[in-house]
Protein backbone atom coordinates (compact mmCIF):
# COMPACT_ATOMS: atom_id res chain seq x y z
CA MET A 1 12.71 -18.29 1.64
CA ALA A 2 9.99 -15.76 0.87
CA ILE A 3 7.27 -16.65 -1.62
CA SER A 4 7.15 -14.49 -4.75
CA LEU A 5 3.50 -13.97 -5.67
CA GLN A 6 1.80 -13.23 -8.95
CA LYS A 7 -1.30 -11.07 -9.30
CA GLY A 8 -4.31 -12.84 -7.83
CA GLN A 9 -2.32 -15.41 -5.87
CA ARG A 10 -3.04 -16.10 -2.21
CA VAL A 11 -0.81 -17.49 0.51
CA SER A 12 -1.33 -18.57 4.12
CA LEU A 13 0.80 -16.34 6.32
CA SER A 14 0.08 -18.51 9.34
CA LYS A 15 1.53 -21.60 7.65
CA GLU A 16 4.58 -19.76 6.34
CA SER A 17 5.57 -18.64 9.84
CA LYS A 18 7.26 -21.47 11.73
CA GLU A 19 6.76 -20.04 15.22
CA GLY A 20 3.13 -18.94 15.09
CA LEU A 21 2.24 -15.54 13.71
CA ASP A 22 0.94 -12.65 15.81
CA ARG A 23 2.51 -9.51 14.34
CA VAL A 24 3.43 -8.61 10.76
CA ILE A 25 4.97 -5.64 8.99
CA VAL A 26 3.44 -4.71 5.65
CA GLY A 27 6.26 -3.07 3.72
CA LEU A 28 5.54 -1.04 0.59
CA GLY A 29 8.04 0.43 -1.84
CA TRP A 30 8.21 2.31 -5.12
CA ASP A 31 10.60 4.45 -7.15
CA GLU A 32 9.92 7.43 -9.30
CA ALA A 33 10.67 6.50 -12.92
CA ARG A 34 13.27 8.57 -14.69
CA GLN A 35 11.59 11.16 -16.88
CA PRO A 36 13.15 12.72 -19.97
CA GLN A 37 14.76 16.07 -19.23
CA THR A 38 12.87 19.13 -20.46
CA LYS A 39 14.94 21.91 -21.98
CA GLY A 40 15.51 24.51 -19.31
CA PHE A 41 14.60 27.49 -21.51
CA LEU A 42 11.34 25.96 -22.72
CA ALA A 43 10.43 24.82 -19.22
CA SER A 44 10.87 28.32 -17.86
CA LEU A 45 9.10 29.86 -20.86
CA PHE A 46 5.99 27.74 -20.41
CA GLY A 47 6.04 27.60 -16.63
CA GLY A 48 7.25 24.00 -16.40
CA GLY A 49 10.02 24.50 -13.88
CA GLU A 50 11.18 21.60 -11.74
CA PRO A 51 8.68 18.71 -11.60
CA GLN A 52 7.24 17.97 -8.17
CA ALA A 53 8.20 14.76 -6.42
CA ILE A 54 5.53 12.07 -6.52
CA ASP A 55 4.10 11.59 -3.04
CA CYS A 56 2.59 8.10 -2.72
CA ASP A 57 0.56 7.49 0.43
CA ALA A 58 -0.09 4.01 1.83
CA SER A 59 -3.24 3.33 3.85
CA ALA A 60 -5.01 0.38 5.46
CA LEU A 61 -8.78 -0.14 5.39
CA LEU A 62 -10.23 -2.41 8.08
CA LEU A 63 -13.33 -4.07 6.69
CA GLN A 64 -16.28 -5.78 8.36
CA ASP A 65 -17.88 -8.43 6.16
CA GLY A 66 -15.98 -6.90 3.26
CA LYS A 67 -17.36 -3.39 3.93
CA LEU A 68 -15.82 -0.19 5.30
CA ARG A 69 -18.32 0.77 7.99
CA ASN A 70 -16.64 3.86 9.40
CA TRP A 71 -13.94 6.34 8.34
CA LYS A 72 -12.31 5.62 11.72
CA ASP A 73 -11.39 2.23 10.26
CA VAL A 74 -9.00 3.89 7.79
CA VAL A 75 -5.38 4.10 8.94
CA TYR A 76 -3.39 6.65 6.93
CA PHE A 77 -0.94 9.55 7.35
CA GLY A 78 -3.68 11.65 8.99
CA ALA A 79 -4.63 8.92 11.51
CA LEU A 80 -1.63 6.71 12.11
CA ARG A 81 -3.18 4.29 14.60
CA HIS A 82 -6.46 2.39 14.60
CA GLY A 83 -8.64 2.77 17.67
CA SER A 84 -8.14 -0.91 18.54
CA GLY A 85 -4.36 -0.48 18.53
CA ALA A 86 -4.12 -3.41 16.11
CA VAL A 87 -2.95 -1.45 13.05
CA GLN A 88 -0.34 1.30 13.02
CA HIS A 89 1.07 3.34 10.15
CA MET A 90 4.76 4.05 10.72
CA GLY A 91 4.73 7.47 9.03
CA ASP A 92 4.54 9.23 5.68
CA ASN A 93 7.38 9.18 3.16
CA LEU A 94 7.02 12.22 0.92
CA THR A 95 9.22 11.16 -1.99
CA GLY A 96 9.76 7.38 -2.13
CA ALA A 97 13.51 7.93 -2.39
CA GLY A 98 15.98 5.40 -1.01
CA GLU A 99 16.25 1.63 -0.79
CA GLY A 100 13.90 -0.80 0.95
CA ASP A 101 10.42 -0.06 2.24
CA ASP A 102 9.15 3.45 1.65
CA GLU A 103 6.26 3.07 4.06
CA GLN A 104 5.31 0.41 6.60
CA ILE A 105 2.09 -0.62 8.29
CA VAL A 106 2.30 -2.86 11.36
CA ILE A 107 -0.57 -5.25 12.05
CA GLU A 108 -0.95 -6.93 15.45
CA LEU A 109 -2.92 -9.90 14.17
CA ASP A 110 -3.86 -11.19 17.62
CA LYS A 111 -5.32 -7.77 18.50
CA VAL A 112 -7.52 -7.31 15.43
CA PRO A 113 -11.11 -7.30 16.78
CA ALA A 114 -13.18 -10.27 15.63
CA GLN A 115 -15.62 -8.14 13.60
CA TYR A 116 -12.90 -7.21 11.09
CA ASP A 117 -12.39 -9.89 8.46
CA ARG A 118 -9.84 -8.21 6.20
CA ILE A 119 -7.36 -5.36 6.02
CA VAL A 120 -6.94 -3.89 2.56
CA VAL A 121 -3.69 -2.06 1.80
CA VAL A 122 -3.95 0.71 -0.78
CA VAL A 123 -1.68 3.44 -2.14
CA ASN A 124 -2.78 6.69 -3.76
CA ILE A 125 -0.81 9.59 -5.22
CA PHE A 126 -1.31 12.74 -3.18
CA ARG A 127 -2.93 15.49 -5.30
CA ALA A 128 -2.44 13.37 -8.40
CA GLU A 129 -4.82 15.33 -10.63
CA ALA A 130 -3.50 18.77 -9.65
CA ARG A 131 0.08 17.64 -10.21
CA HIS A 132 -0.69 15.64 -13.37
CA GLN A 133 0.89 12.52 -11.89
CA HIS A 134 -0.02 8.85 -12.24
CA PHE A 135 1.35 5.37 -11.55
CA GLY A 136 2.82 5.19 -15.03
CA MET A 137 5.48 7.50 -13.56
CA ILE A 138 6.26 4.93 -10.84
CA GLU A 139 8.39 1.79 -11.14
CA ASN A 140 9.63 -1.06 -8.92
CA ALA A 141 6.47 -1.02 -6.81
CA PHE A 142 6.07 -3.88 -4.35
CA ILE A 143 4.28 -5.04 -1.23
CA ARG A 144 5.82 -7.56 1.16
CA ILE A 145 4.74 -9.21 4.39
CA VAL A 146 7.35 -9.64 7.12
CA ASP A 147 7.16 -11.60 10.39
CA ALA A 148 7.86 -8.80 12.87
CA ARG A 149 9.47 -11.06 15.48
CA ASN A 150 12.38 -12.22 13.34
CA ASN A 151 12.20 -9.90 10.30
CA GLN A 152 11.64 -12.93 8.06
CA GLU A 153 10.02 -11.96 4.77
CA LEU A 154 7.08 -14.30 4.25
CA CYS A 155 5.94 -13.19 0.81
CA ARG A 156 6.43 -10.44 -1.77
CA PHE A 157 4.35 -9.18 -4.68
CA ASN A 158 6.06 -7.06 -7.33
CA LEU A 159 3.63 -4.90 -9.32
CA SER A 160 5.09 -4.98 -12.81
CA GLU A 161 2.22 -3.98 -15.09
CA HIS A 162 1.90 -0.63 -16.86
CA TYR A 163 -0.33 1.78 -14.97
CA ASP A 164 -0.42 4.87 -17.20
CA GLY A 165 -3.21 7.23 -16.16
CA MET A 166 -3.91 5.37 -12.91
CA THR A 167 -3.83 7.43 -9.71
CA ALA A 168 -4.47 4.81 -7.02
CA MET A 169 -3.67 1.17 -6.42
CA ILE A 170 -5.12 -1.65 -4.35
CA PHE A 171 -1.91 -3.53 -3.54
CA GLY A 172 -3.27 -6.45 -1.53
CA GLU A 173 -5.15 -7.58 1.54
CA VAL A 174 -4.49 -9.49 4.75
CA TYR A 175 -7.58 -11.48 5.68
CA ARG A 176 -8.94 -14.12 8.03
CA HIS A 177 -9.71 -17.61 6.75
CA GLY A 178 -10.91 -19.78 9.61
CA ASN A 179 -8.08 -19.77 12.14
CA GLU A 180 -5.53 -18.58 9.60
CA TRP A 181 -4.36 -15.24 8.31
CA LYS A 182 -3.81 -15.11 4.56
CA PHE A 183 -2.56 -12.57 2.03
CA ASN A 184 -4.10 -11.86 -1.36
CA ALA A 185 -1.97 -10.14 -4.03
CA ILE A 186 -4.52 -7.89 -5.75
CA GLY A 187 -2.62 -5.31 -7.82
CA GLN A 188 -5.72 -3.46 -9.05
CA ALA A 189 -5.12 0.05 -10.38
CA THR A 190 -7.86 2.70 -10.32
CA THR A 191 -8.40 6.29 -11.40
CA ASP A 192 -9.68 7.37 -7.99
CA PRO A 193 -8.30 10.86 -7.31
CA SER A 194 -8.10 10.50 -3.52
CA LEU A 195 -8.16 8.06 -0.62
CA GLN A 196 -11.73 9.13 0.14
CA ALA A 197 -12.82 8.25 -3.39
CA LEU A 198 -10.97 4.93 -3.29
CA SER A 199 -12.52 4.00 0.04
CA LYS A 200 -16.03 4.34 -1.43
CA ARG A 201 -15.38 1.13 -3.37
CA TYR A 202 -15.76 -0.70 -0.06
CA GLN A 203 -18.82 1.08 1.29
């Protein structure tokens, strides 16, 4: 049975997998919260129109000694595969609609080069400032780690706090600890307007 984590909790992925762990799927999901309907006449009068869908983008930052040394170590919708082949983004979901994972990042743990000690998984809202969108308009956000060989969910972290005004989120990190791989449920919201701005926190 998968472990349900609270903010700040850590778990050994290696110990949770019975058969030895070499490949995991990081699944991320979210739903757009229902917003009150604006009167059609007033919306058209003031240029409101139909609200744009919230486009959340998941990314993975491969860190060396806790630092992002090169932009090439960022795996996102514009660069779906890391140069080492160890981390692959499975593609951008533009709306977050539907059940299950909205975006997935696959990590080949046995292929992660030794110089990388952690892989931080973040999500930012595309063009959040221009569209006046924030994570307070998102609900049911989660991150889960799945053993790719048998689709067994090892752990899950549901982000249940209120994130009004926040435009990016550090969901969690997969990191080395001796001979083990562990997961840290971070759940830290930020006001960074872009992935580039968020990545500077690790430089």
